[in-house]
PDB file of all heavy atoms in Angstrom:
ATOM      1  N   THR A   1      48.879   4.069  60.039  1.00  0.00           N
ATOM      2  CA  THR A   1      47.912   5.085  59.844  1.00  0.00           C
ATOM      3  C   THR A   1      47.746   5.974  61.011  1.00  0.00           C
ATOM      4  O   THR A   1      48.316   5.662  62.132  1.00  0.00           O
ATOM      5  CB  THR A   1      46.526   4.426  59.498  1.00  0.00           C
ATOM      6  OG1 THR A   1      46.099   3.665  60.632  1.00  0.00           O
ATOM      7  CG2 THR A   1      46.647   3.502  58.260  1.00  0.00           C
ATOM      8  N   ALA A   2      47.063   7.092  60.837  1.00  0.00           N
ATOM      9  CA  ALA A   2      46.843   8.047  61.925  1.00  0.00           C
ATOM     10  C   ALA A   2      45.974   7.411  63.006  1.00  0.00           C
ATOM     11  O   ALA A   2      46.122   7.605  64.202  1.00  0.00           O
ATOM     12  CB  ALA A   2      46.225   9.307  61.420  1.00  0.00           C
ATOM     13  N   TRP A   3      45.058   6.540  62.590  1.00  0.00           N
ATOM     14  CA  TRP A   3      44.167   5.809  63.578  1.00  0.00           C
ATOM     15  C   TRP A   3      44.696   4.407  63.633  1.00  0.00           C
ATOM     16  O   TRP A   3      44.427   3.521  62.764  1.00  0.00           O
ATOM     17  CB  TRP A   3      42.743   5.814  63.074  1.00  0.00           C
ATOM     18  CG  TRP A   3      42.045   7.109  63.180  1.00  0.00           C
ATOM     19  CD1 TRP A   3      42.615   8.306  63.517  1.00  0.00           C
ATOM     20  CD2 TRP A   3      40.637   7.288  63.008  1.00  0.00           C
ATOM     21  NE1 TRP A   3      41.598   9.265  63.586  1.00  0.00           N
ATOM     22  CE2 TRP A   3      40.380   8.731  63.304  1.00  0.00           C
ATOM     23  CE3 TRP A   3      39.615   6.482  62.665  1.00  0.00           C
ATOM     24  CZ2 TRP A   3      39.142   9.217  63.119  1.00  0.00           C
ATOM     25  CZ3 TRP A   3      38.350   7.073  62.550  1.00  0.00           C
ATOM     26  CH2 TRP A   3      38.136   8.425  62.843  1.00  0.00           C
ATOM     27  N   CYS A   4      45.491   4.112  64.684  1.00  0.00           N
ATOM     28  CA  CYS A   4      46.049   2.785  64.881  1.00  0.00           C
ATOM     29  C   CYS A   4      45.705   2.243  66.283  1.00  0.00           C
ATOM     30  O   CYS A   4      45.949   2.938  67.255  1.00  0.00           O
ATOM     31  CB  CYS A   4      47.572   2.948  64.710  1.00  0.00           C
ATOM     32  SG  CYS A   4      48.425   1.385  64.784  1.00  0.00           S
ATOM     33  N   LEU A   5      45.098   1.076  66.307  1.00  0.00           N
ATOM     34  CA  LEU A   5      44.748   0.489  67.551  1.00  0.00           C
ATOM     35  C   LEU A   5      45.342  -0.907  67.694  1.00  0.00           C
ATOM     36  O   LEU A   5      45.500  -1.636  66.713  1.00  0.00           O
ATOM     37  CB  LEU A   5      43.237   0.369  67.741  1.00  0.00           C
ATOM     38  CG  LEU A   5      42.455   1.643  67.810  1.00  0.00           C
ATOM     39  CD1 LEU A   5      40.947   1.375  67.736  1.00  0.00           C
ATOM     40  CD2 LEU A   5      42.746   2.454  69.043  1.00  0.00           C
ATOM     41  N   HIS A   6      45.750  -1.274  68.923  1.00  0.00           N
ATOM     42  CA  HIS A   6      46.295  -2.620  69.164  1.00  0.00           C
ATOM     43  C   HIS A   6      45.360  -3.402  69.964  1.00  0.00           C
ATOM     44  O   HIS A   6      44.740  -2.884  70.894  1.00  0.00           O
ATOM     45  CB  HIS A   6      47.684  -2.459  69.879  1.00  0.00           C
ATOM     46  CG  HIS A   6      48.738  -1.830  69.080  1.00  0.00           C
ATOM     47  ND1 HIS A   6      49.676  -2.537  68.425  1.00  0.00           N
ATOM     48  CD2 HIS A   6      48.895  -0.542  68.745  1.00  0.00           C
ATOM     49  CE1 HIS A   6      50.454  -1.796  67.696  1.00  0.00           C
ATOM     50  NE2 HIS A   6      50.040  -0.543  67.880  1.00  0.00           N
ATOM     51  N   VAL A   7      45.266  -4.699  69.615  1.00  0.00           N
ATOM     52  CA  VAL A   7      44.439  -5.662  70.397  1.00  0.00           C
ATOM     53  C   VAL A   7      45.248  -6.815  70.713  1.00  0.00           C
ATOM     54  O   VAL A   7      46.041  -7.335  69.824  1.00  0.00           O
ATOM     55  CB  VAL A   7      43.242  -6.092  69.426  1.00  0.00           C
ATOM     56  CG1 VAL A   7      42.376  -7.156  70.186  1.00  0.00           C
ATOM     57  CG2 VAL A   7      42.367  -4.943  69.027  1.00  0.00           C
ATOM     58  N   ALA A   8      45.177  -7.305  71.927  1.00  0.00           N
ATOM     59  CA  ALA A   8      46.021  -8.461  72.398  1.00  0.00           C
ATOM     60  C   ALA A   8      45.212  -9.302  73.400  1.00  0.00           C
ATOM     61  O   ALA A   8      44.364  -8.827  74.101  1.00  0.00           O
ATOM     62  CB  ALA A   8      47.260  -7.990  73.034  1.00  0.00           C
ATOM     63  N   PRO A   9      45.492 -10.608  73.360  1.00  0.00           N
ATOM     64  CA  PRO A   9      44.771 -11.560  74.293  1.00  0.00           C
ATOM     65  C   PRO A   9      44.969 -11.018  75.728  1.00  0.00           C
ATOM     66  O   PRO A   9      44.107 -11.305  76.552  1.00  0.00           O
ATOM     67  CB  PRO A   9      45.409 -12.866  74.022  1.00  0.00           C
ATOM     68  CG  PRO A   9      45.965 -12.841  72.715  1.00  0.00           C
ATOM     69  CD  PRO A   9      46.357 -11.384  72.447  1.00  0.00           C
ATOM     70  N   HIS A  10      46.055 -10.477  76.044  1.00  0.00           N
ATOM     71  CA  HIS A  10      46.368 -10.040  77.428  1.00  0.00           C
ATOM     72  C   HIS A  10      45.880  -8.535  77.595  1.00  0.00           C
ATOM     73  O   HIS A  10      46.146  -7.949  78.628  1.00  0.00           O
ATOM     74  CB  HIS A  10      47.807 -10.135  77.754  1.00  0.00           C
ATOM     75  CG  HIS A  10      48.706  -9.169  76.918  1.00  0.00           C
ATOM     76  ND1 HIS A  10      49.094  -9.455  75.631  1.00  0.00           N
ATOM     77  CD2 HIS A  10      49.118  -7.916  77.143  1.00  0.00           C
ATOM     78  CE1 HIS A  10      49.787  -8.469  75.209  1.00  0.00           C
ATOM     79  NE2 HIS A  10      49.845  -7.513  76.100  1.00  0.00           N
ATOM     80  N   GLY A  11      45.228  -7.979  76.611  1.00  0.00           N
ATOM     81  CA  GLY A  11      44.715  -6.572  76.648  1.00  0.00           C
ATOM     82  C   GLY A  11      43.632  -6.451  77.718  1.00  0.00           C
ATOM     83  O   GLY A  11      43.212  -7.396  78.410  1.00  0.00           O
ATOM     84  N   SER A  12      43.216  -5.191  77.886  1.00  0.00           N
ATOM     85  CA  SER A  12      42.224  -4.899  78.941  1.00  0.00           C
ATOM     86  C   SER A  12      41.099  -4.069  78.322  1.00  0.00           C
ATOM     87  O   SER A  12      41.240  -3.310  77.448  1.00  0.00           O
ATOM     88  CB  SER A  12      42.974  -3.921  80.012  1.00  0.00           C
ATOM     89  OG  SER A  12      42.001  -3.418  80.831  1.00  0.00           O
ATOM     90  N   PRO A  13      39.936  -4.338  78.880  1.00  0.00           N
ATOM     91  CA  PRO A  13      38.746  -3.441  78.480  1.00  0.00           C
ATOM     92  C   PRO A  13      39.026  -1.956  78.787  1.00  0.00           C
ATOM     93  O   PRO A  13      38.514  -1.131  78.128  1.00  0.00           O
ATOM     94  CB  PRO A  13      37.606  -4.018  79.325  1.00  0.00           C
ATOM     95  CG  PRO A  13      37.989  -5.367  79.639  1.00  0.00           C
ATOM     96  CD  PRO A  13      39.446  -5.380  79.782  1.00  0.00           C
ATOM     97  N   ALA A  14      39.924  -1.703  79.671  1.00  0.00           N
ATOM     98  CA  ALA A  14      40.228  -0.339  80.076  1.00  0.00           C
ATOM     99  C   ALA A  14      41.449   0.165  79.278  1.00  0.00           C
ATOM    100  O   ALA A  14      41.854   1.345  79.483  1.00  0.00           O
ATOM    101  CB  ALA A  14      40.591  -0.260  81.594  1.00  0.00           C
ATOM    102  N   GLY A  15      41.973  -0.664  78.310  1.00  0.00           N
ATOM    103  CA  GLY A  15      43.088  -0.211  77.524  1.00  0.00           C
ATOM    104  C   GLY A  15      42.737   0.891  76.622  1.00  0.00           C
ATOM    105  O   GLY A  15      41.546   1.169  76.327  1.00  0.00           O
ATOM    106  N   ASP A  16      43.740   1.636  76.080  1.00  0.00           N
ATOM    107  CA  ASP A  16      43.503   2.687  75.197  1.00  0.00           C
ATOM    108  C   ASP A  16      43.873   2.365  73.723  1.00  0.00           C
ATOM    109  O   ASP A  16      43.814   3.248  72.905  1.00  0.00           O
ATOM    110  CB  ASP A  16      44.191   3.995  75.737  1.00  0.00           C
ATOM    111  CG  ASP A  16      45.754   3.806  75.787  1.00  0.00           C
ATOM    112  OD1 ASP A  16      46.262   2.792  75.298  1.00  0.00           O
ATOM    113  OD2 ASP A  16      46.351   4.744  76.287  1.00  0.00           O
ATOM    114  N   GLY A  17      44.289   1.211  73.494  1.00  0.00           N
ATOM    115  CA  GLY A  17      44.572   0.724  72.166  1.00  0.00           C
ATOM    116  C   GLY A  17      46.059   0.943  71.686  1.00  0.00           C
ATOM    117  O   GLY A  17      46.393   0.728  70.614  1.00  0.00           O
ATOM    118  N   THR A  18      46.865   1.451  72.606  1.00  0.00           N
ATOM    119  CA  THR A  18      48.276   1.704  72.349  1.00  0.00           C
ATOM    120  C   THR A  18      49.029   0.346  72.537  1.00  0.00           C
ATOM    121  O   THR A  18      48.471  -0.538  73.118  1.00  0.00           O
ATOM    122  CB  THR A  18      48.905   2.678  73.280  1.00  0.00           C
ATOM    123  OG1 THR A  18      48.783   2.240  74.656  1.00  0.00           O
ATOM    124  CG2 THR A  18      48.229   4.106  73.164  1.00  0.00           C
ATOM    125  N   PRO A  19      50.217   0.300  72.018  1.00  0.00           N
ATOM    126  CA  PRO A  19      50.956  -0.985  72.160  1.00  0.00           C
ATOM    127  C   PRO A  19      51.200  -1.380  73.661  1.00  0.00           C
ATOM    128  O   PRO A  19      51.184  -2.567  74.023  1.00  0.00           O
ATOM    129  CB  PRO A  19      52.316  -0.774  71.526  1.00  0.00           C
ATOM    130  CG  PRO A  19      52.026   0.318  70.539  1.00  0.00           C
ATOM    131  CD  PRO A  19      50.893   1.120  71.141  1.00  0.00           C
ATOM    132  N   ALA A  20      51.362  -0.361  74.490  1.00  0.00           N
ATOM    133  CA  ALA A  20      51.573  -0.566  75.923  1.00  0.00           C
ATOM    134  C   ALA A  20      50.286  -0.919  76.685  1.00  0.00           C
ATOM    135  O   ALA A  20      50.313  -1.582  77.722  1.00  0.00           O
ATOM    136  CB  ALA A  20      52.256   0.602  76.594  1.00  0.00           C
ATOM    137  N   ARG A  21      49.153  -0.467  76.116  1.00  0.00           N
ATOM    138  CA  ARG A  21      47.797  -0.711  76.837  1.00  0.00           C
ATOM    139  C   ARG A  21      46.780  -1.152  75.771  1.00  0.00           C
ATOM    140  O   ARG A  21      45.918  -0.398  75.479  1.00  0.00           O
ATOM    141  CB  ARG A  21      47.331   0.524  77.479  1.00  0.00           C
ATOM    142  CG  ARG A  21      48.284   0.940  78.646  1.00  0.00           C
ATOM    143  CD  ARG A  21      47.757   2.157  79.420  1.00  0.00           C
ATOM    144  NE  ARG A  21      46.417   1.792  79.974  1.00  0.00           N
ATOM    145  CZ  ARG A  21      45.379   2.660  80.064  1.00  0.00           C
ATOM    146  NH1 ARG A  21      45.526   3.867  79.551  1.00  0.00           N
ATOM    147  NH2 ARG A  21      44.302   2.299  80.551  1.00  0.00           N
ATOM    148  N   PRO A  22      47.033  -2.329  75.161  1.00  0.00           N
ATOM    149  CA  PRO A  22      46.143  -2.743  74.077  1.00  0.00           C
ATOM    150  C   PRO A  22      44.740  -3.111  74.622  1.00  0.00           C
ATOM    151  O   PRO A  22      44.490  -3.329  75.811  1.00  0.00           O
ATOM    152  CB  PRO A  22      46.768  -4.069  73.620  1.00  0.00           C
ATOM    153  CG  PRO A  22      47.569  -4.564  74.742  1.00  0.00           C
ATOM    154  CD  PRO A  22      48.080  -3.368  75.528  1.00  0.00           C
ATOM    155  N   LEU A  23      43.819  -3.065  73.646  1.00  0.00           N
ATOM    156  CA  LEU A  23      42.422  -3.444  73.957  1.00  0.00           C
ATOM    157  C   LEU A  23      42.387  -5.062  74.001  1.00  0.00           C
ATOM    158  O   LEU A  23      43.312  -5.679  73.542  1.00  0.00           O
ATOM    159  CB  LEU A  23      41.486  -2.981  72.782  1.00  0.00           C
ATOM    160  CG  LEU A  23      41.477  -1.436  72.633  1.00  0.00           C
ATOM    161  CD1 LEU A  23      40.810  -1.085  71.380  1.00  0.00           C
ATOM    162  CD2 LEU A  23      40.774  -0.781  73.886  1.00  0.00           C
ATOM    163  N   ALA A  24      41.315  -5.544  74.564  1.00  0.00           N
ATOM    164  CA  ALA A  24      41.185  -7.006  74.736  1.00  0.00           C
ATOM    165  C   ALA A  24      40.469  -7.698  73.590  1.00  0.00           C
ATOM    166  O   ALA A  24      40.705  -8.905  73.346  1.00  0.00           O
ATOM    167  CB  ALA A  24      40.526  -7.283  76.055  1.00  0.00           C
ATOM    168  N   THR A  25      39.636  -6.966  72.905  1.00  0.00           N
ATOM    169  CA  THR A  25      38.869  -7.655  71.824  1.00  0.00           C
ATOM    170  C   THR A  25      38.828  -6.779  70.494  1.00  0.00           C
ATOM    171  O   THR A  25      38.962  -5.579  70.548  1.00  0.00           O
ATOM    172  CB  THR A  25      37.406  -7.932  72.257  1.00  0.00           C
ATOM    173  OG1 THR A  25      36.739  -6.669  72.403  1.00  0.00           O
ATOM    174  CG2 THR A  25      37.418  -8.733  73.564  1.00  0.00           C
ATOM    175  N   VAL A  26      38.567  -7.491  69.370  1.00  0.00           N
ATOM    176  CA  VAL A  26      38.378  -6.793  68.114  1.00  0.00           C
ATOM    177  C   VAL A  26      37.137  -5.941  68.284  1.00  0.00           C
ATOM    178  O   VAL A  26      37.066  -4.785  67.653  1.00  0.00           O
ATOM    179  CB  VAL A  26      38.200  -7.827  67.007  1.00  0.00           C
ATOM    180  CG1 VAL A  26      37.883  -7.137  65.699  1.00  0.00           C
ATOM    181  CG2 VAL A  26      39.478  -8.561  66.872  1.00  0.00           C
ATOM    182  N   GLN A  27      36.105  -6.339  68.951  1.00  0.00           N
ATOM    183  CA  GLN A  27      34.898  -5.542  69.119  1.00  0.00           C
ATOM    184  C   GLN A  27      35.141  -4.243  69.766  1.00  0.00           C
ATOM    185  O   GLN A  27      34.559  -3.229  69.492  1.00  0.00           O
ATOM    186  CB  GLN A  27      33.830  -6.412  69.917  1.00  0.00           C
ATOM    187  CG  GLN A  27      33.290  -7.569  69.091  1.00  0.00           C
ATOM    188  CD  GLN A  27      34.157  -8.784  69.210  1.00  0.00           C
ATOM    189  OE1 GLN A  27      35.167  -8.837  69.843  1.00  0.00           O
ATOM    190  NE2 GLN A  27      33.805  -9.822  68.445  1.00  0.00           N
ATOM    191  N   GLN A  28      36.007  -4.237  70.733  1.00  0.00           N
ATOM    192  CA  GLN A  28      36.475  -2.983  71.460  1.00  0.00           C
ATOM    193  C   GLN A  28      37.161  -2.025  70.419  1.00  0.00           C
ATOM    194  O   GLN A  28      36.860  -0.811  70.511  1.00  0.00           O
ATOM    195  CB  GLN A  28      37.338  -3.240  72.609  1.00  0.00           C
ATOM    196  CG  GLN A  28      36.687  -3.855  73.808  1.00  0.00           C
ATOM    197  CD  GLN A  28      37.666  -4.148  74.923  1.00  0.00           C
ATOM    198  OE1 GLN A  28      38.677  -4.790  74.678  1.00  0.00           O
ATOM    199  NE2 GLN A  28      37.288  -3.760  76.131  1.00  0.00           N
ATOM    200  N   ALA A  29      37.960  -2.600  69.549  1.00  0.00           N
ATOM    201  CA  ALA A  29      38.566  -1.721  68.537  1.00  0.00           C
ATOM    202  C   ALA A  29      37.524  -1.193  67.628  1.00  0.00           C
ATOM    203  O   ALA A  29      37.547   0.003  67.269  1.00  0.00           O
ATOM    204  CB  ALA A  29      39.646  -2.551  67.787  1.00  0.00           C
ATOM    205  N   ARG A  30      36.628  -2.017  67.171  1.00  0.00           N
ATOM    206  CA  ARG A  30      35.499  -1.455  66.322  1.00  0.00           C
ATOM    207  C   ARG A  30      34.768  -0.379  66.986  1.00  0.00           C
ATOM    208  O   ARG A  30      34.480   0.701  66.412  1.00  0.00           O
ATOM    209  CB  ARG A  30      34.604  -2.704  65.980  1.00  0.00           C
ATOM    210  CG  ARG A  30      33.363  -2.201  65.199  1.00  0.00           C
ATOM    211  CD  ARG A  30      32.181  -3.174  65.344  1.00  0.00           C
ATOM    212  NE  ARG A  30      31.798  -3.278  66.695  1.00  0.00           N
ATOM    213  CZ  ARG A  30      31.206  -4.304  67.244  1.00  0.00           C
ATOM    214  NH1 ARG A  30      30.952  -5.426  66.458  1.00  0.00           N
ATOM    215  NH2 ARG A  30      30.793  -4.355  68.424  1.00  0.00           N
ATOM    216  N   ASP A  31      34.379  -0.545  68.276  1.00  0.00           N
ATOM    217  CA  ASP A  31      33.648   0.433  69.056  1.00  0.00           C
ATOM    218  C   ASP A  31      34.424   1.680  69.156  1.00  0.00           C
ATOM    219  O   ASP A  31      33.879   2.792  69.114  1.00  0.00           O
ATOM    220  CB  ASP A  31      33.175  -0.153  70.377  1.00  0.00           C
ATOM    221  CG  ASP A  31      32.154  -1.243  70.214  1.00  0.00           C
ATOM    222  OD1 ASP A  31      31.582  -1.424  69.067  1.00  0.00           O
ATOM    223  OD2 ASP A  31      31.961  -2.000  71.224  1.00  0.00           O
ATOM    224  N   ALA A  32      35.692   1.600  69.477  1.00  0.00           N
ATOM    225  CA  ALA A  32      36.595   2.742  69.567  1.00  0.00           C
ATOM    226  C   ALA A  32      36.629   3.538  68.337  1.00  0.00           C
ATOM    227  O   ALA A  32      36.519   4.837  68.297  1.00  0.00           O
ATOM    228  CB  ALA A  32      37.986   2.379  70.018  1.00  0.00           C
ATOM    229  N   LEU A  33      36.750   2.947  67.184  1.00  0.00           N
ATOM    230  CA  LEU A  33      36.695   3.620  65.894  1.00  0.00           C
ATOM    231  C   LEU A  33      35.367   4.244  65.603  1.00  0.00           C
ATOM    232  O   LEU A  33      35.258   5.415  65.110  1.00  0.00           O
ATOM    233  CB  LEU A  33      37.091   2.675  64.743  1.00  0.00           C
ATOM    234  CG  LEU A  33      38.537   2.177  64.796  1.00  0.00           C
ATOM    235  CD1 LEU A  33      38.678   1.044  63.778  1.00  0.00           C
ATOM    236  CD2 LEU A  33      39.487   3.323  64.584  1.00  0.00           C
ATOM    237  N   ARG A  34      34.318   3.574  65.982  1.00  0.00           N
ATOM    238  CA  ARG A  34      32.955   4.134  65.731  1.00  0.00           C
ATOM    239  C   ARG A  34      32.757   5.382  66.666  1.00  0.00           C
ATOM    240  O   ARG A  34      32.202   6.396  66.244  1.00  0.00           O
ATOM    241  CB  ARG A  34      31.887   3.099  66.130  1.00  0.00           C
ATOM    242  CG  ARG A  34      31.662   2.081  65.039  1.00  0.00           C
ATOM    243  CD  ARG A  34      30.597   1.138  65.411  1.00  0.00           C
ATOM    244  NE  ARG A  34      30.337   0.123  64.371  1.00  0.00           N
ATOM    245  CZ  ARG A  34      29.621  -0.969  64.553  1.00  0.00           C
ATOM    246  NH1 ARG A  34      29.080  -1.203  65.703  1.00  0.00           N
ATOM    247  NH2 ARG A  34      29.495  -1.826  63.607  1.00  0.00           N
ATOM    248  N   THR A  35      33.257   5.314  67.893  1.00  0.00           N
ATOM    249  CA  THR A  35      33.128   6.418  68.789  1.00  0.00           C
ATOM    250  C   THR A  35      33.853   7.673  68.252  1.00  0.00           C
ATOM    251  O   THR A  35      33.344   8.758  68.325  1.00  0.00           O
ATOM    252  CB  THR A  35      33.644   6.053  70.182  1.00  0.00           C
ATOM    253  OG1 THR A  35      32.908   5.000  70.696  1.00  0.00           O
ATOM    254  CG2 THR A  35      33.682   7.205  71.093  1.00  0.00           C
ATOM    255  N   ARG A  36      35.014   7.460  67.706  1.00  0.00           N
ATOM    256  CA  ARG A  36      35.744   8.505  67.089  1.00  0.00           C
ATOM    257  C   ARG A  36      34.972   9.202  65.897  1.00  0.00           C
ATOM    258  O   ARG A  36      34.846  10.399  65.820  1.00  0.00           O
ATOM    259  CB  ARG A  36      37.111   8.070  66.503  1.00  0.00           C
ATOM    260  CG  ARG A  36      38.177   7.781  67.632  1.00  0.00           C
ATOM    261  CD  ARG A  36      39.399   7.414  66.912  1.00  0.00           C
ATOM    262  NE  ARG A  36      40.425   6.987  67.888  1.00  0.00           N
ATOM    263  CZ  ARG A  36      41.680   6.610  67.617  1.00  0.00           C
ATOM    264  NH1 ARG A  36      42.121   6.695  66.446  1.00  0.00           N
ATOM    265  NH2 ARG A  36      42.460   6.262  68.645  1.00  0.00           N
ATOM    266  N   ARG A  37      34.434   8.363  65.151  1.00  0.00           N
ATOM    267  CA  ARG A  37      33.664   8.867  63.943  1.00  0.00           C
ATOM    268  C   ARG A  37      32.387   9.558  64.380  1.00  0.00           C
ATOM    269  O   ARG A  37      32.051  10.558  63.862  1.00  0.00           O
ATOM    270  CB  ARG A  37      33.421   7.775  62.997  1.00  0.00           C
ATOM    271  CG  ARG A  37      34.648   7.173  62.397  1.00  0.00           C
ATOM    272  CD  ARG A  37      34.667   6.599  61.051  1.00  0.00           C
ATOM    273  NE  ARG A  37      33.953   7.442  60.065  1.00  0.00           N
ATOM    274  CZ  ARG A  37      33.255   6.837  59.061  1.00  0.00           C
ATOM    275  NH1 ARG A  37      33.059   5.579  59.060  1.00  0.00           N
ATOM    276  NH2 ARG A  37      32.690   7.617  58.182  1.00  0.00           N
ATOM    277  N   LEU A  38      31.729   9.029  65.351  1.00  0.00           N
ATOM    278  CA  LEU A  38      30.438   9.579  65.915  1.00  0.00           C
ATOM    279  C   LEU A  38      30.719  10.910  66.600  1.00  0.00           C
ATOM    280  O   LEU A  38      29.849  11.811  66.690  1.00  0.00           O
ATOM    281  CB  LEU A  38      29.702   8.656  66.777  1.00  0.00           C
ATOM    282  CG  LEU A  38      29.109   7.468  66.115  1.00  0.00           C
ATOM    283  CD1 LEU A  38      28.532   6.449  67.191  1.00  0.00           C
ATOM    284  CD2 LEU A  38      28.047   7.854  65.174  1.00  0.00           C
ATOM    285  N   GLY A  39      31.952  11.009  67.091  1.00  0.00           N
ATOM    286  CA  GLY A  39      32.423  12.280  67.765  1.00  0.00           C
ATOM    287  C   GLY A  39      32.752  13.394  66.752  1.00  0.00           C
ATOM    288  O   GLY A  39      33.147  14.472  67.173  1.00  0.00           O
ATOM    289  N   GLY A  40      32.618  13.080  65.469  1.00  0.00           N
ATOM    290  CA  GLY A  40      32.908  14.095  64.493  1.00  0.00           C
ATOM    291  C   GLY A  40      34.228  13.951  63.768  1.00  0.00           C
ATOM    292  O   GLY A  40      34.531  14.742  62.889  1.00  0.00           O
ATOM    293  N   ALA A  41      35.023  13.034  64.161  1.00  0.00           N
ATOM    294  CA  ALA A  41      36.388  12.867  63.519  1.00  0.00           C
ATOM    295  C   ALA A  41      36.134  12.246  62.159  1.00  0.00           C
ATOM    296  O   ALA A  41      35.236  11.470  61.924  1.00  0.00           O
ATOM    297  CB  ALA A  41      37.253  11.961  64.400  1.00  0.00           C
ATOM    298  N   THR A  42      36.967  12.697  61.228  1.00  0.00           N
ATOM    299  CA  THR A  42      36.952  12.162  59.867  1.00  0.00           C
ATOM    300  C   THR A  42      37.995  11.110  59.708  1.00  0.00           C
ATOM    301  O   THR A  42      39.191  11.323  60.164  1.00  0.00           O
ATOM    302  CB  THR A  42      37.189  13.255  58.897  1.00  0.00           C
ATOM    303  OG1 THR A  42      36.210  14.295  59.013  1.00  0.00           O
ATOM    304  CG2 THR A  42      37.090  12.786  57.414  1.00  0.00           C
ATOM    305  N   LEU A  43      37.671  10.017  59.087  1.00  0.00           N
ATOM    306  CA  LEU A  43      38.688   8.933  58.829  1.00  0.00           C
ATOM    307  C   LEU A  43      39.847   9.468  58.102  1.00  0.00           C
ATOM    308  O   LEU A  43      39.611  10.155  57.024  1.00  0.00           O
ATOM    309  CB  LEU A  43      38.017   7.781  58.147  1.00  0.00           C
ATOM    310  CG  LEU A  43      38.783   6.506  58.022  1.00  0.00           C
ATOM    311  CD1 LEU A  43      39.013   5.837  59.410  1.00  0.00           C
ATOM    312  CD2 LEU A  43      38.015   5.548  57.182  1.00  0.00           C
ATOM    313  N   PRO A  44      41.071   9.392  58.472  1.00  0.00           N
ATOM    314  CA  PRO A  44      42.241   9.884  57.825  1.00  0.00           C
ATOM    315  C   PRO A  44      42.416   9.184  56.408  1.00  0.00           C
ATOM    316  O   PRO A  44      41.853   8.051  56.223  1.00  0.00           O
ATOM    317  CB  PRO A  44      43.427   9.591  58.656  1.00  0.00           C
ATOM    318  CG  PRO A  44      42.963   8.521  59.591  1.00  0.00           C
ATOM    319  CD  PRO A  44      41.447   8.576  59.683  1.00  0.00           C
TER     320      PRO A  44
END
């Protein structure tokens, strides 16, 4: 999908959700998606 985030046990809170820089938790992914939507982006 257009909005694709990666989460990995070795991820980082500073990650951007890409395969090379995954997030550390599912909660971070949820928050990143919420931030996009609150910023005015429409879910693809």
